[in-house]
Amino acid sequence: MHASLHCPYCVKADGFRELIKKAGGEYVCSACGHSANPDDTEWRCCCARCQGMNLYIENAGYSPSESHKRPDRVTPPRESGSHKP
């Protein structure tokens, strides 16, 4: 038996929404469709939010937690004498 599982996206008044257990060991969020299956190590959720996150990570080529390291977010140093007074 697993401890209660919660949706990482949906919040209720008292915390994250609990996932509902379905047949086959799958747990599903009744609000957004996020799913989990703790017994299947190859399980991948196909809800819209997870797919969006996967696409974001795939296209960016980095982890969202490392966004502060993106080269396009680094301001290049100014050349001496090139700034306006």
C-alpha atoms as a PDB file:
ATOM      1  CA  MET A   1       0.000   0.000   0.000  1.00  0.00           C
ATOM      2  CA  HIS A   2       1.307   3.428  -0.974  1.00  0.00           C
ATOM      3  CA  ALA A   3       1.025   6.607   1.009  1.00  0.00           C
ATOM      4  CA  SER A   4      -1.423   9.021  -0.562  1.00  0.00           C
ATOM      5  CA  LEU A   5      -0.149  10.554  -3.784  1.00  0.00           C
ATOM      6  CA  HIS A   6      -0.749  14.187  -4.684  1.00  0.00           C
ATOM      7  CA  CYS A   7      -0.904  16.153  -7.912  1.00  0.00           C
ATOM      8  CA  PRO A   8       2.135  18.414  -8.325  1.00  0.00           C
ATOM      9  CA  TYR A   9      -0.008  20.984 -10.175  1.00  0.00           C
ATOM     10  CA  CYS A  10      -3.423  21.239  -8.492  1.00  0.00           C
ATOM     11  CA  VAL A  11      -3.946  22.859  -5.109  1.00  0.00           C
ATOM     12  CA  LYS A  12      -6.924  22.572  -2.815  1.00  0.00           C
ATOM     13  CA  ALA A  13      -7.555  24.744   0.218  1.00  0.00           C
ATOM     14  CA  ASP A  14      -5.559  22.449   2.494  1.00  0.00           C
ATOM     15  CA  GLY A  15      -2.702  21.499   0.113  1.00  0.00           C
ATOM     16  CA  PHE A  16      -2.158  19.609  -3.107  1.00  0.00           C
ATOM     17  CA  ARG A  17      -5.058  17.621  -4.531  1.00  0.00           C
ATOM     18  CA  GLU A  18      -4.931  13.901  -3.764  1.00  0.00           C
ATOM     19  CA  LEU A  19      -4.740  11.516  -6.726  1.00  0.00           C
ATOM     20  CA  ILE A  20      -7.520   8.930  -7.073  1.00  0.00           C
ATOM     21  CA  LYS A  21      -6.515   5.282  -7.445  1.00  0.00           C
ATOM     22  CA  LYS A  22      -7.707   3.569 -10.627  1.00  0.00           C
ATOM     23  CA  ALA A  23      -7.480  -0.047 -11.796  1.00  0.00           C
ATOM     24  CA  GLY A  24      -4.005  -1.309 -12.595  1.00  0.00           C
ATOM     25  CA  GLY A  25      -2.251   0.766  -9.936  1.00  0.00           C
ATOM     26  CA  GLU A  26      -2.611   4.091 -11.734  1.00  0.00           C
ATOM     27  CA  TYR A  27      -3.411   7.242  -9.743  1.00  0.00           C
ATOM     28  CA  VAL A  28      -5.115  10.165 -11.505  1.00  0.00           C
ATOM     29  CA  CYS A  29      -5.894  13.785 -10.616  1.00  0.00           C
ATOM     30  CA  SER A  30      -9.607  14.456 -11.036  1.00  0.00           C
ATOM     31  CA  ALA A  31      -8.932  18.075 -11.950  1.00  0.00           C
ATOM     32  CA  CYS A  32      -6.138  18.034 -14.549  1.00  0.00           C
ATOM     33  CA  GLY A  33      -5.635  14.373 -15.451  1.00  0.00           C
ATOM     34  CA  HIS A  34      -2.070  14.147 -14.126  1.00  0.00           C
ATOM     35  CA  SER A  35      -1.285  10.494 -13.497  1.00  0.00           C
ATOM     36  CA  ALA A  36       1.252   8.426 -11.595  1.00  0.00           C
ATOM     37  CA  ASN A  37       1.987   4.757 -11.156  1.00  0.00           C
ATOM     38  CA  PRO A  38       4.498   4.165  -8.364  1.00  0.00           C
ATOM     39  CA  ASP A  39       4.732   0.437  -9.201  1.00  0.00           C
ATOM     40  CA  ASP A  40       5.916   1.074 -12.776  1.00  0.00           C
ATOM     41  CA  THR A  41       9.409   2.585 -13.010  1.00  0.00           C
ATOM     42  CA  GLU A  42       8.922   3.314 -16.730  1.00  0.00           C
ATOM     43  CA  TRP A  43       5.660   5.228 -16.174  1.00  0.00           C
ATOM     44  CA  ARG A  44       5.431   8.639 -17.832  1.00  0.00           C
ATOM     45  CA  CYS A  45       2.465  10.917 -17.327  1.00  0.00           C
ATOM     46  CA  CYS A  46       0.883  12.187 -20.540  1.00  0.00           C
ATOM     47  CA  CYS A  47      -1.237  15.009 -19.093  1.00  0.00           C
ATOM     48  CA  ALA A  48      -1.019  18.380 -20.849  1.00  0.00           C
ATOM     49  CA  ARG A  49       1.064  19.948 -18.109  1.00  0.00           C
ATOM     50  CA  CYS A  50       3.659  17.162 -18.048  1.00  0.00           C
ATOM     51  CA  GLN A  51       3.853  17.126 -21.832  1.00  0.00           C
ATOM     52  CA  GLY A  52       4.370  20.880 -21.812  1.00  0.00           C
ATOM     53  CA  MET A  53       7.132  20.561 -19.227  1.00  0.00           C
ATOM     54  CA  ASN A  54       8.808  17.740 -21.179  1.00  0.00           C
ATOM     55  CA  LEU A  55       8.683  19.783 -24.380  1.00  0.00           C
ATOM     56  CA  TYR A  56      10.130  22.794 -22.579  1.00  0.00           C
ATOM     57  CA  ILE A  57      13.028  20.745 -21.198  1.00  0.00           C
ATOM     58  CA  GLU A  58      13.627  18.977 -24.517  1.00  0.00           C
ATOM     59  CA  ASN A  59      13.704  22.207 -26.547  1.00  0.00           C
ATOM     60  CA  ALA A  60      15.763  24.148 -24.057  1.00  0.00           C
ATOM     61  CA  GLY A  61      18.326  21.412 -23.534  1.00  0.00           C
ATOM     62  CA  TYR A  62      18.616  22.062 -19.818  1.00  0.00           C
ATOM     63  CA  SER A  63      16.829  21.537 -16.578  1.00  0.00           C
ATOM     64  CA  PRO A  64      14.397  24.312 -15.546  1.00  0.00           C
ATOM     65  CA  SER A  65      16.165  24.439 -12.186  1.00  0.00           C
ATOM     66  CA  GLU A  66      19.302  25.564 -14.034  1.00  0.00           C
ATOM     67  CA  SER A  67      17.663  28.440 -15.946  1.00  0.00           C
ATOM     68  CA  HIS A  68      19.925  30.902 -14.164  1.00  0.00           C
ATOM     69  CA  LYS A  69      22.866  29.316 -16.037  1.00  0.00           C
ATOM     70  CA  ARG A  70      21.499  29.982 -19.536  1.00  0.00           C
ATOM     71  CA  PRO A  71      24.025  31.836 -21.708  1.00  0.00           C
ATOM     72  CA  ASP A  72      21.333  34.102 -23.183  1.00  0.00           C
ATOM     73  CA  ARG A  73      20.553  35.371 -19.681  1.00  0.00           C
ATOM     74  CA  VAL A  74      24.091  36.513 -19.018  1.00  0.00           C
ATOM     75  CA  THR A  75      24.773  40.165 -19.705  1.00  0.00           C
ATOM     76  CA  PRO A  76      28.076  40.494 -21.541  1.00  0.00           C
ATOM     77  CA  PRO A  77      30.602  42.852 -19.965  1.00  0.00           C
ATOM     78  CA  ARG A  78      30.758  46.305 -21.482  1.00  0.00           C
ATOM     79  CA  GLU A  79      33.802  47.277 -23.417  1.00  0.00           C
ATOM     80  CA  SER A  80      35.691  50.118 -21.800  1.00  0.00           C
ATOM     81  CA  GLY A  81      34.735  53.478 -23.228  1.00  0.00           C
ATOM     82  CA  SER A  82      31.631  52.100 -24.961  1.00  0.00           C
ATOM     83  CA  HIS A  83      29.070  53.220 -22.392  1.00  0.00           C
ATOM     84  CA  LYS A  84      27.183  56.455 -22.748  1.00  0.00           C
ATOM     85  CA  PRO A  85      27.504  59.064 -19.985  1.00  0.00           C
END
